[in-house]
PDB file of N, CA and C in Angstrom:
ATOM      1  N   MET A   1       9.522  12.269 -48.131  1.00  0.00           N
ATOM      2  CA  MET A   1       8.613  11.230 -47.723  1.00  0.00           C
ATOM      3  C   MET A   1       7.203  11.643 -48.117  1.00  0.00           C
ATOM      4  N   ARG A   2       6.457  10.732 -48.674  1.00  0.00           N
ATOM      5  CA  ARG A   2       5.083  10.991 -49.064  1.00  0.00           C
ATOM      6  C   ARG A   2       4.253  11.301 -47.819  1.00  0.00           C
ATOM      7  N   PRO A   3       3.337  12.301 -47.898  1.00  0.00           N
ATOM      8  CA  PRO A   3       2.494  12.602 -46.739  1.00  0.00           C
ATOM      9  C   PRO A   3       1.806  11.349 -46.216  1.00  0.00           C
ATOM     10  N   GLY A   4       1.805  11.214 -44.901  1.00  0.00           N
ATOM     11  CA  GLY A   4       1.146  10.076 -44.285  1.00  0.00           C
ATOM     12  C   GLY A   4       2.045   8.874 -44.055  1.00  0.00           C
ATOM     13  N   ARG A   5       3.175   8.820 -44.723  1.00  0.00           N
ATOM     14  CA  ARG A   5       4.045   7.644 -44.587  1.00  0.00           C
ATOM     15  C   ARG A   5       4.596   7.493 -43.175  1.00  0.00           C
ATOM     16  N   ALA A   6       4.981   8.599 -42.545  1.00  0.00           N
ATOM     17  CA  ALA A   6       5.501   8.516 -41.177  1.00  0.00           C
ATOM     18  C   ALA A   6       4.409   8.018 -40.241  1.00  0.00           C
ATOM     19  N   ALA A   7       3.190   8.506 -40.413  1.00  0.00           N
ATOM     20  CA  ALA A   7       2.083   8.053 -39.575  1.00  0.00           C
ATOM     21  C   ALA A   7       1.805   6.571 -39.800  1.00  0.00           C
ATOM     22  N   GLU A   8       1.874   6.134 -41.056  1.00  0.00           N
ATOM     23  CA  GLU A   8       1.673   4.716 -41.357  1.00  0.00           C
ATOM     24  C   GLU A   8       2.750   3.860 -40.687  1.00  0.00           C
ATOM     25  N   ALA A   9       3.975   4.328 -40.706  1.00  0.00           N
ATOM     26  CA  ALA A   9       5.075   3.586 -40.091  1.00  0.00           C
ATOM     27  C   ALA A   9       4.862   3.477 -38.586  1.00  0.00           C
ATOM     28  N   ARG A  10       4.439   4.580 -37.946  1.00  0.00           N
ATOM     29  CA  ARG A  10       4.180   4.538 -36.504  1.00  0.00           C
ATOM     30  C   ARG A  10       3.040   3.578 -36.179  1.00  0.00           C
ATOM     31  N   GLU A  11       2.005   3.544 -37.027  1.00  0.00           N
ATOM     32  CA  GLU A  11       0.883   2.621 -36.807  1.00  0.00           C
ATOM     33  C   GLU A  11       1.345   1.167 -36.904  1.00  0.00           C
ATOM     34  N   LEU A  12       2.162   0.856 -37.898  1.00  0.00           N
ATOM     35  CA  LEU A  12       2.684  -0.508 -38.036  1.00  0.00           C
ATOM     36  C   LEU A  12       3.547  -0.880 -36.836  1.00  0.00           C
ATOM     37  N   PHE A  13       4.362   0.050 -36.402  1.00  0.00           N
ATOM     38  CA  PHE A  13       5.226  -0.170 -35.243  1.00  0.00           C
ATOM     39  C   PHE A  13       4.381  -0.490 -34.010  1.00  0.00           C
ATOM     40  N   ALA A  14       3.327   0.289 -33.813  1.00  0.00           N
ATOM     41  CA  ALA A  14       2.477   0.097 -32.638  1.00  0.00           C
ATOM     42  C   ALA A  14       1.689  -1.207 -32.714  1.00  0.00           C
ATOM     43  N   ALA A  15       1.351  -1.628 -33.909  1.00  0.00           N
ATOM     44  CA  ALA A  15       0.489  -2.799 -34.076  1.00  0.00           C
ATOM     45  C   ALA A  15       1.231  -4.133 -34.057  1.00  0.00           C
ATOM     46  N   HIS A  16       2.540  -4.112 -34.272  1.00  0.00           N
ATOM     47  CA  HIS A  16       3.282  -5.361 -34.407  1.00  0.00           C
ATOM     48  C   HIS A  16       4.446  -5.412 -33.429  1.00  0.00           C
ATOM     49  N   GLN A  17       4.303  -6.253 -32.424  1.00  0.00           N
ATOM     50  CA  GLN A  17       5.376  -6.417 -31.455  1.00  0.00           C
ATOM     51  C   GLN A  17       6.619  -6.939 -32.179  1.00  0.00           C
ATOM     52  N   GLY A  18       7.752  -6.370 -31.867  1.00  0.00           N
ATOM     53  CA  GLY A  18       8.990  -6.798 -32.496  1.00  0.00           C
ATOM     54  C   GLY A  18       9.400  -5.932 -33.676  1.00  0.00           C
ATOM     55  N   TYR A  19       8.518  -5.050 -34.162  1.00  0.00           N
ATOM     56  CA  TYR A  19       8.892  -4.151 -35.243  1.00  0.00           C
ATOM     57  C   TYR A  19       9.825  -3.078 -34.683  1.00  0.00           C
ATOM     58  N   LEU A  20      10.673  -2.566 -35.522  1.00  0.00           N
ATOM     59  CA  LEU A  20      11.567  -1.464 -35.167  1.00  0.00           C
ATOM     60  C   LEU A  20      11.170  -0.247 -35.984  1.00  0.00           C
ATOM     61  N   LEU A  21      11.455   0.928 -35.465  1.00  0.00           N
ATOM     62  CA  LEU A  21      11.114   2.171 -36.150  1.00  0.00           C
ATOM     63  C   LEU A  21      12.304   3.114 -36.055  1.00  0.00           C
ATOM     64  N   ALA A  22      12.684   3.693 -37.161  1.00  0.00           N
ATOM     65  CA  ALA A  22      13.775   4.665 -37.187  1.00  0.00           C
ATOM     66  C   ALA A  22      13.228   5.987 -37.701  1.00  0.00           C
ATOM     67  N   GLY A  23      13.772   7.082 -37.202  1.00  0.00           N
ATOM     68  CA  GLY A  23      13.334   8.392 -37.656  1.00  0.00           C
ATOM     69  C   GLY A  23      13.969   9.479 -36.819  1.00  0.00           C
ATOM     70  N   LEU A  24      13.424  10.683 -36.928  1.00  0.00           N
ATOM     71  CA  LEU A  24      13.930  11.803 -36.145  1.00  0.00           C
ATOM     72  C   LEU A  24      13.690  11.523 -34.670  1.00  0.00           C
ATOM     73  N   ALA A  25      14.679  11.828 -33.850  1.00  0.00           N
ATOM     74  CA  ALA A  25      14.587  11.547 -32.420  1.00  0.00           C
ATOM     75  C   ALA A  25      13.352  12.189 -31.809  1.00  0.00           C
ATOM     76  N   SER A  26      13.019  13.402 -32.222  1.00  0.00           N
ATOM     77  CA  SER A  26      11.853  14.077 -31.651  1.00  0.00           C
ATOM     78  C   SER A  26      10.569  13.349 -32.007  1.00  0.00           C
ATOM     79  N   SER A  27      10.473  12.839 -33.208  1.00  0.00           N
ATOM     80  CA  SER A  27       9.292  12.091 -33.630  1.00  0.00           C
ATOM     81  C   SER A  27       9.193  10.768 -32.878  1.00  0.00           C
ATOM     82  N   LEU A  28      10.325  10.103 -32.715  1.00  0.00           N
ATOM     83  CA  LEU A  28      10.329   8.829 -31.989  1.00  0.00           C
ATOM     84  C   LEU A  28       9.972   9.032 -30.521  1.00  0.00           C
ATOM     85  N   ALA A  29      10.427  10.129 -29.941  1.00  0.00           N
ATOM     86  CA  ALA A  29      10.098  10.413 -28.540  1.00  0.00           C
ATOM     87  C   ALA A  29       8.593  10.589 -28.391  1.00  0.00           C
ATOM     88  N   GLY A  30       7.959  11.247 -29.353  1.00  0.00           N
ATOM     89  CA  GLY A  30       6.510  11.417 -29.314  1.00  0.00           C
ATOM     90  C   GLY A  30       5.789  10.085 -29.423  1.00  0.00           C
ATOM     91  N   ALA A  31       6.252   9.227 -30.316  1.00  0.00           N
ATOM     92  CA  ALA A  31       5.656   7.898 -30.476  1.00  0.00           C
ATOM     93  C   ALA A  31       5.852   7.072 -29.209  1.00  0.00           C
ATOM     94  N   ALA A  32       7.016   7.197 -28.598  1.00  0.00           N
ATOM     95  CA  ALA A  32       7.311   6.422 -27.393  1.00  0.00           C
ATOM     96  C   ALA A  32       6.381   6.808 -26.243  1.00  0.00           C
ATOM     97  N   ARG A  33       6.015   8.080 -26.158  1.00  0.00           N
ATOM     98  CA  ARG A  33       5.098   8.519 -25.095  1.00  0.00           C
ATOM     99  C   ARG A  33       3.711   7.909 -25.279  1.00  0.00           C
ATOM    100  N   GLN A  34       3.355   7.585 -26.515  1.00  0.00           N
ATOM    101  CA  GLN A  34       2.025   7.044 -26.799  1.00  0.00           C
ATOM    102  C   GLN A  34       1.968   5.523 -26.739  1.00  0.00           C
ATOM    103  N   ILE A  35       3.127   4.864 -26.749  1.00  0.00           N
ATOM    104  CA  ILE A  35       3.161   3.400 -26.760  1.00  0.00           C
ATOM    105  C   ILE A  35       3.947   2.929 -25.537  1.00  0.00           C
ATOM    106  N   PRO A  36       3.241   2.517 -24.486  1.00  0.00           N
ATOM    107  CA  PRO A  36       3.920   2.097 -23.258  1.00  0.00           C
ATOM    108  C   PRO A  36       4.962   1.011 -23.525  1.00  0.00           C
ATOM    109  N   GLY A  37       6.086   1.131 -22.837  1.00  0.00           N
ATOM    110  CA  GLY A  37       7.147   0.142 -22.962  1.00  0.00           C
ATOM    111  C   GLY A  37       8.117   0.389 -24.100  1.00  0.00           C
ATOM    112  N   THR A  38       7.873   1.416 -24.903  1.00  0.00           N
ATOM    113  CA  THR A  38       8.761   1.722 -26.027  1.00  0.00           C
ATOM    114  C   THR A  38      10.057   2.338 -25.516  1.00  0.00           C
ATOM    115  N   LEU A  39      11.152   1.918 -26.079  1.00  0.00           N
ATOM    116  CA  LEU A  39      12.464   2.439 -25.715  1.00  0.00           C
ATOM    117  C   LEU A  39      13.072   3.124 -26.931  1.00  0.00           C
ATOM    118  N   VAL A  40      13.468   4.377 -26.765  1.00  0.00           N
ATOM    119  CA  VAL A  40      14.187   5.107 -27.814  1.00  0.00           C
ATOM    120  C   VAL A  40      15.662   5.011 -27.466  1.00  0.00           C
ATOM    121  N   LEU A  41      16.444   4.408 -28.344  1.00  0.00           N
ATOM    122  CA  LEU A  41      17.869   4.215 -28.079  1.00  0.00           C
ATOM    123  C   LEU A  41      18.619   5.544 -28.157  1.00  0.00           C
ATOM    124  N   PRO A  42      19.605   5.742 -27.298  1.00  0.00           N
ATOM    125  CA  PRO A  42      20.399   6.979 -27.350  1.00  0.00           C
ATOM    126  C   PRO A  42      21.299   6.991 -28.585  1.00  0.00           C
ATOM    127  N   GLY A  43      21.765   8.166 -28.910  1.00  0.00           N
ATOM    128  CA  GLY A  43      22.659   8.316 -30.066  1.00  0.00           C
ATOM    129  C   GLY A  43      21.871   8.512 -31.342  1.00  0.00           C
ATOM    130  N   HIS A  44      22.565   8.405 -32.457  1.00  0.00           N
ATOM    131  CA  HIS A  44      21.905   8.576 -33.746  1.00  0.00           C
ATOM    132  C   HIS A  44      22.597   7.711 -34.792  1.00  0.00           C
ATOM    133  N   PHE A  45      21.886   7.429 -35.860  1.00  0.00           N
ATOM    134  CA  PHE A  45      22.478   6.652 -36.934  1.00  0.00           C
ATOM    135  C   PHE A  45      22.649   7.493 -38.186  1.00  0.00           C
ATOM    136  N   MET A  46      22.150   8.714 -38.171  1.00  0.00           N
ATOM    137  CA  MET A  46      22.347   9.644 -39.279  1.00  0.00           C
ATOM    138  C   MET A  46      22.078  11.056 -38.773  1.00  0.00           C
ATOM    139  N   THR A  47      22.438  12.042 -39.555  1.00  0.00           N
ATOM    140  CA  THR A  47      22.171  13.421 -39.188  1.00  0.00           C
ATOM    141  C   THR A  47      21.524  14.140 -40.366  1.00  0.00           C
ATOM    142  N   ALA A  48      20.787  15.183 -40.050  1.00  0.00           N
ATOM    143  CA  ALA A  48      20.182  16.032 -41.077  1.00  0.00           C
ATOM    144  C   ALA A  48      20.814  17.410 -40.921  1.00  0.00           C
ATOM    145  N   ARG A  49      21.809  17.670 -41.716  1.00  0.00           N
ATOM    146  CA  ARG A  49      22.511  18.950 -41.613  1.00  0.00           C
ATOM    147  C   ARG A  49      21.777  19.993 -42.438  1.00  0.00           C
ATOM    148  N   GLN A  50      21.420  21.076 -41.799  1.00  0.00           N
ATOM    149  CA  GLN A  50      20.718  22.174 -42.452  1.00  0.00           C
ATOM    150  C   GLN A  50      21.698  23.321 -42.631  1.00  0.00           C
ATOM    151  N   ALA A  51      21.454  24.162 -43.631  1.00  0.00           N
ATOM    152  CA  ALA A  51      22.389  25.251 -43.892  1.00  0.00           C
ATOM    153  C   ALA A  51      21.684  26.399 -44.601  1.00  0.00           C
ATOM    154  N   PHE A  52      22.320  27.548 -44.586  1.00  0.00           N
ATOM    155  CA  PHE A  52      21.935  28.695 -45.396  1.00  0.00           C
ATOM    156  C   PHE A  52      23.003  28.848 -46.461  1.00  0.00           C
ATOM    157  N   ALA A  53      22.646  29.448 -47.574  1.00  0.00           N
ATOM    158  CA  ALA A  53      23.629  29.680 -48.634  1.00  0.00           C
ATOM    159  C   ALA A  53      23.407  31.054 -49.250  1.00  0.00           C
ATOM    160  N   CYS A  54      24.475  31.594 -49.770  1.00  0.00           N
ATOM    161  CA  CYS A  54      24.424  32.883 -50.450  1.00  0.00           C
ATOM    162  C   CYS A  54      25.327  32.786 -51.676  1.00  0.00           C
ATOM    163  N   PRO A  55      24.830  33.203 -52.847  1.00  0.00           N
ATOM    164  CA  PRO A  55      25.680  33.118 -54.036  1.00  0.00           C
ATOM    165  C   PRO A  55      26.881  34.068 -53.935  1.00  0.00           C
ATOM    166  N   PRO A  56      27.966  33.728 -54.613  1.00  0.00           N
ATOM    167  CA  PRO A  56      29.145  34.599 -54.601  1.00  0.00           C
ATOM    168  C   PRO A  56      28.809  35.995 -55.123  1.00  0.00           C
ATOM    169  N   GLY A  57      29.514  36.965 -54.620  1.00  0.00           N
ATOM    170  CA  GLY A  57      29.349  38.329 -55.111  1.00  0.00           C
ATOM    171  C   GLY A  57      28.204  39.092 -54.451  1.00  0.00           C
ATOM    172  N   HIS A  58      27.686  38.572 -53.351  1.00  0.00           N
ATOM    173  CA  HIS A  58      26.601  39.260 -52.632  1.00  0.00           C
ATOM    174  C   HIS A  58      27.001  39.440 -51.171  1.00  0.00           C
ATOM    175  N   PRO A  59      27.990  40.308 -50.916  1.00  0.00           N
ATOM    176  CA  PRO A  59      28.489  40.464 -49.553  1.00  0.00           C
ATOM    177  C   PRO A  59      27.415  40.933 -48.570  1.00  0.00           C
ATOM    178  N   ALA A  60      26.481  41.759 -49.021  1.00  0.00           N
ATOM    179  CA  ALA A  60      25.429  42.225 -48.117  1.00  0.00           C
ATOM    180  C   ALA A  60      24.520  41.059 -47.722  1.00  0.00           C
ATOM    181  N   GLY A  61      24.219  40.190 -48.669  1.00  0.00           N
ATOM    182  CA  GLY A  61      23.398  39.020 -48.373  1.00  0.00           C
ATOM    183  C   GLY A  61      24.099  38.081 -47.417  1.00  0.00           C
ATOM    184  N   LEU A  62      25.398  37.878 -47.628  1.00  0.00           N
ATOM    185  CA  LEU A  62      26.180  37.012 -46.742  1.00  0.00           C
ATOM    186  C   LEU A  62      26.225  37.596 -45.329  1.00  0.00           C
ATOM    187  N   ALA A  63      26.456  38.886 -45.230  1.00  0.00           N
ATOM    188  CA  ALA A  63      26.507  39.540 -43.918  1.00  0.00           C
ATOM    189  C   ALA A  63      25.151  39.416 -43.211  1.00  0.00           C
ATOM    190  N   PHE A  64      24.066  39.585 -43.969  1.00  0.00           N
ATOM    191  CA  PHE A  64      22.735  39.457 -43.384  1.00  0.00           C
ATOM    192  C   PHE A  64      22.511  38.046 -42.846  1.00  0.00           C
ATOM    193  N   LEU A  65      22.850  37.027 -43.647  1.00  0.00           N
ATOM    194  CA  LEU A  65      22.656  35.646 -43.209  1.00  0.00           C
ATOM    195  C   LEU A  65      23.489  35.322 -41.970  1.00  0.00           C
ATOM    196  N   GLN A  66      24.753  35.773 -41.972  1.00  0.00           N
ATOM    197  CA  GLN A  66      25.610  35.528 -40.817  1.00  0.00           C
ATOM    198  C   GLN A  66      25.033  36.180 -39.562  1.00  0.00           C
ATOM    199  N   ALA A  67      24.561  37.422 -39.695  1.00  0.00           N
ATOM    200  CA  ALA A  67      23.990  38.138 -38.551  1.00  0.00           C
ATOM    201  C   ALA A  67      22.695  37.465 -38.091  1.00  0.00           C
ATOM    202  N   PHE A  68      21.868  37.037 -39.035  1.00  0.00           N
ATOM    203  CA  PHE A  68      20.607  36.385 -38.693  1.00  0.00           C
ATOM    204  C   PHE A  68      20.842  35.083 -37.932  1.00  0.00           C
ATOM    205  N   VAL A  69      21.732  34.239 -38.448  1.00  0.00           N
ATOM    206  CA  VAL A  69      22.002  32.951 -37.801  1.00  0.00           C
ATOM    207  C   VAL A  69      22.598  33.173 -36.415  1.00  0.00           C
ATOM    208  N   THR A  70      23.530  34.091 -36.294  1.00  0.00           N
ATOM    209  CA  THR A  70      24.134  34.398 -34.990  1.00  0.00           C
ATOM    210  C   THR A  70      23.072  34.854 -34.011  1.00  0.00           C
ATOM    211  N   GLU A  71      22.218  35.764 -34.425  1.00  0.00           N
ATOM    212  CA  GLU A  71      21.165  36.277 -33.547  1.00  0.00           C
ATOM    213  C   GLU A  71      20.156  35.188 -33.196  1.00  0.00           C
ATOM    214  N   ALA A  72      19.793  34.357 -34.159  1.00  0.00           N
ATOM    215  CA  ALA A  72      18.816  33.285 -33.916  1.00  0.00           C
ATOM    216  C   ALA A  72      19.336  32.295 -32.873  1.00  0.00           C
ATOM    217  N   ILE A  73      20.625  32.028 -32.895  1.00  0.00           N
ATOM    218  CA  ILE A  73      21.213  31.094 -31.930  1.00  0.00           C
ATOM    219  C   ILE A  73      21.417  31.764 -30.580  1.00  0.00           C
ATOM    220  N   THR A  74      22.064  32.926 -30.556  1.00  0.00           N
ATOM    221  CA  THR A  74      22.420  33.564 -29.289  1.00  0.00           C
ATOM    222  C   THR A  74      21.212  34.129 -28.548  1.00  0.00           C
ATOM    223  N   SER A  75      20.166  34.522 -29.251  1.00  0.00           N
ATOM    224  CA  SER A  75      18.978  35.078 -28.598  1.00  0.00           C
ATOM    225  C   SER A  75      18.086  34.004 -27.993  1.00  0.00           C
ATOM    226  N   GLY A  76      18.336  32.757 -28.348  1.00  0.00           N
ATOM    227  CA  GLY A  76      17.488  31.682 -27.854  1.00  0.00           C
ATOM    228  C   GLY A  76      16.327  31.369 -28.781  1.00  0.00           C
ATOM    229  N   LEU A  77      16.243  32.048 -29.931  1.00  0.00           N
ATOM    230  CA  LEU A  77      15.158  31.798 -30.874  1.00  0.00           C
ATOM    231  C   LEU A  77      15.126  30.338 -31.315  1.00  0.00           C
ATOM    232  N   VAL A  78      16.273  29.793 -31.686  1.00  0.00           N
ATOM    233  CA  VAL A  78      16.330  28.399 -32.151  1.00  0.00           C
ATOM    234  C   VAL A  78      15.886  27.465 -31.037  1.00  0.00           C
ATOM    235  N   ALA A  79      16.420  27.659 -29.851  1.00  0.00           N
ATOM    236  CA  ALA A  79      16.052  26.800 -28.716  1.00  0.00           C
ATOM    237  C   ALA A  79      14.562  26.928 -28.408  1.00  0.00           C
ATOM    238  N   GLY A  80      14.043  28.144 -28.444  1.00  0.00           N
ATOM    239  CA  GLY A  80      12.624  28.358 -28.154  1.00  0.00           C
ATOM    240  C   GLY A  80      11.717  27.692 -29.178  1.00  0.00           C
ATOM    241  N   LEU A  81      12.071  27.785 -30.435  1.00  0.00           N
ATOM    242  CA  LEU A  81      11.244  27.167 -31.473  1.00  0.00           C
ATOM    243  C   LEU A  81      11.305  25.645 -31.416  1.00  0.00           C
ATOM    244  N   THR A  82      12.479  25.098 -31.142  1.00  0.00           N
ATOM    245  CA  THR A  82      12.568  23.637 -31.047  1.00  0.00           C
ATOM    246  C   THR A  82      11.753  23.131 -29.861  1.00  0.00           C
ATOM    247  N   ASP A  83      11.758  23.878 -28.763  1.00  0.00           N
ATOM    248  CA  ASP A  83      10.932  23.496 -27.611  1.00  0.00           C
ATOM    249  C   ASP A  83       9.451  23.650 -27.932  1.00  0.00           C
ATOM    250  N   ARG A  84       9.103  24.767 -28.551  1.00  0.00           N
ATOM    251  CA  ARG A  84       7.693  25.053 -28.866  1.00  0.00           C
ATOM    252  C   ARG A  84       7.076  23.975 -29.744  1.00  0.00           C
ATOM    253  N   PHE A  85       7.831  23.512 -30.724  1.00  0.00           N
ATOM    254  CA  PHE A  85       7.293  22.535 -31.665  1.00  0.00           C
ATOM    255  C   PHE A  85       7.692  21.100 -31.323  1.00  0.00           C
ATOM    256  N   GLY A  86       8.331  20.918 -30.168  1.00  0.00           N
ATOM    257  CA  GLY A  86       8.636  19.578 -29.694  1.00  0.00           C
ATOM    258  C   GLY A  86       9.651  18.825 -30.515  1.00  0.00           C
ATOM    259  N   VAL A  87      10.590  19.532 -31.098  1.00  0.00           N
ATOM    260  CA  VAL A  87      11.596  18.853 -31.917  1.00  0.00           C
ATOM    261  C   VAL A  87      12.999  18.981 -31.327  1.00  0.00           C
ATOM    262  N   GLY A  88      13.084  19.383 -30.081  1.00  0.00           N
ATOM    263  CA  GLY A  88      14.388  19.627 -29.473  1.00  0.00           C
ATOM    264  C   GLY A  88      15.117  18.403 -28.970  1.00  0.00           C
ATOM    265  N   GLN A  89      14.389  17.331 -28.660  1.00  0.00           N
ATOM    266  CA  GLN A  89      15.062  16.151 -28.102  1.00  0.00           C
ATOM    267  C   GLN A  89      15.992  15.548 -29.143  1.00  0.00           C
ATOM    268  N   GLY A  90      17.242  15.392 -28.768  1.00  0.00           N
ATOM    269  CA  GLY A  90      18.227  14.816 -29.671  1.00  0.00           C
ATOM    270  C   GLY A  90      18.781  15.818 -30.679  1.00  0.00           C
ATOM    271  N   LEU A  91      18.392  17.086 -30.551  1.00  0.00           N
ATOM    272  CA  LEU A  91      18.840  18.111 -31.497  1.00  0.00           C
ATOM    273  C   LEU A  91      20.082  18.795 -30.971  1.00  0.00           C
ATOM    274  N   ASN A  92      21.077  18.951 -31.822  1.00  0.00           N
ATOM    275  CA  ASN A  92      22.280  19.698 -31.485  1.00  0.00           C
ATOM    276  C   ASN A  92      22.331  20.939 -32.360  1.00  0.00           C
ATOM    277  N   VAL A  93      22.319  22.101 -31.748  1.00  0.00           N
ATOM    278  CA  VAL A  93      22.392  23.349 -32.493  1.00  0.00           C
ATOM    279  C   VAL A  93      23.848  23.650 -32.782  1.00  0.00           C
ATOM    280  N   ALA A  94      24.127  24.006 -34.014  1.00  0.00           N
ATOM    281  CA  ALA A  94      25.491  24.334 -34.424  1.00  0.00           C
ATOM    282  C   ALA A  94      26.014  25.538 -33.640  1.00  0.00           C
ATOM    283  N   PRO A  95      27.326  25.627 -33.470  1.00  0.00           N
ATOM    284  CA  PRO A  95      27.872  26.808 -32.804  1.00  0.00           C
ATOM    285  C   PRO A  95      27.649  28.066 -33.639  1.00  0.00           C
ATOM    286  N   VAL A  96      27.727  29.204 -32.984  1.00  0.00           N
ATOM    287  CA  VAL A  96      27.571  30.473 -33.681  1.00  0.00           C
ATOM    288  C   VAL A  96      28.663  30.587 -34.746  1.00  0.00           C
ATOM    289  N   PRO A  97      28.284  30.955 -35.990  1.00  0.00           N
ATOM    290  CA  PRO A  97      29.301  31.053 -37.053  1.00  0.00           C
ATOM    291  C   PRO A  97      30.289  32.182 -36.774  1.00  0.00           C
ATOM    292  N   GLU A  98      31.499  32.014 -37.272  1.00  0.00           N
ATOM    293  CA  GLU A  98      32.534  33.041 -37.095  1.00  0.00           C
ATOM    294  C   GLU A  98      32.678  33.848 -38.343  1.00  0.00           C
TER     295      GLU A  98
END
């Protein structure tokens, strides 16, 4: 998305009764707090799946990534960062990899 486009969309939403706005749940929750009467519908219509990758033949790199992701989830780092930056609402953290 071009810089500023999300802000422009929120401005149009706020300025025109009857407009709808779709986006990340955390972003919509922030907009809803600023616009009285706004309702954020539960559920989702799409997901943004994030991942780490390691090229074949790099077992040490794969082991490092697996250990990092496991530690980031189990230590509460992921939960803490999502809370800190206000992006936790509607976020589902993947289970610890096996």
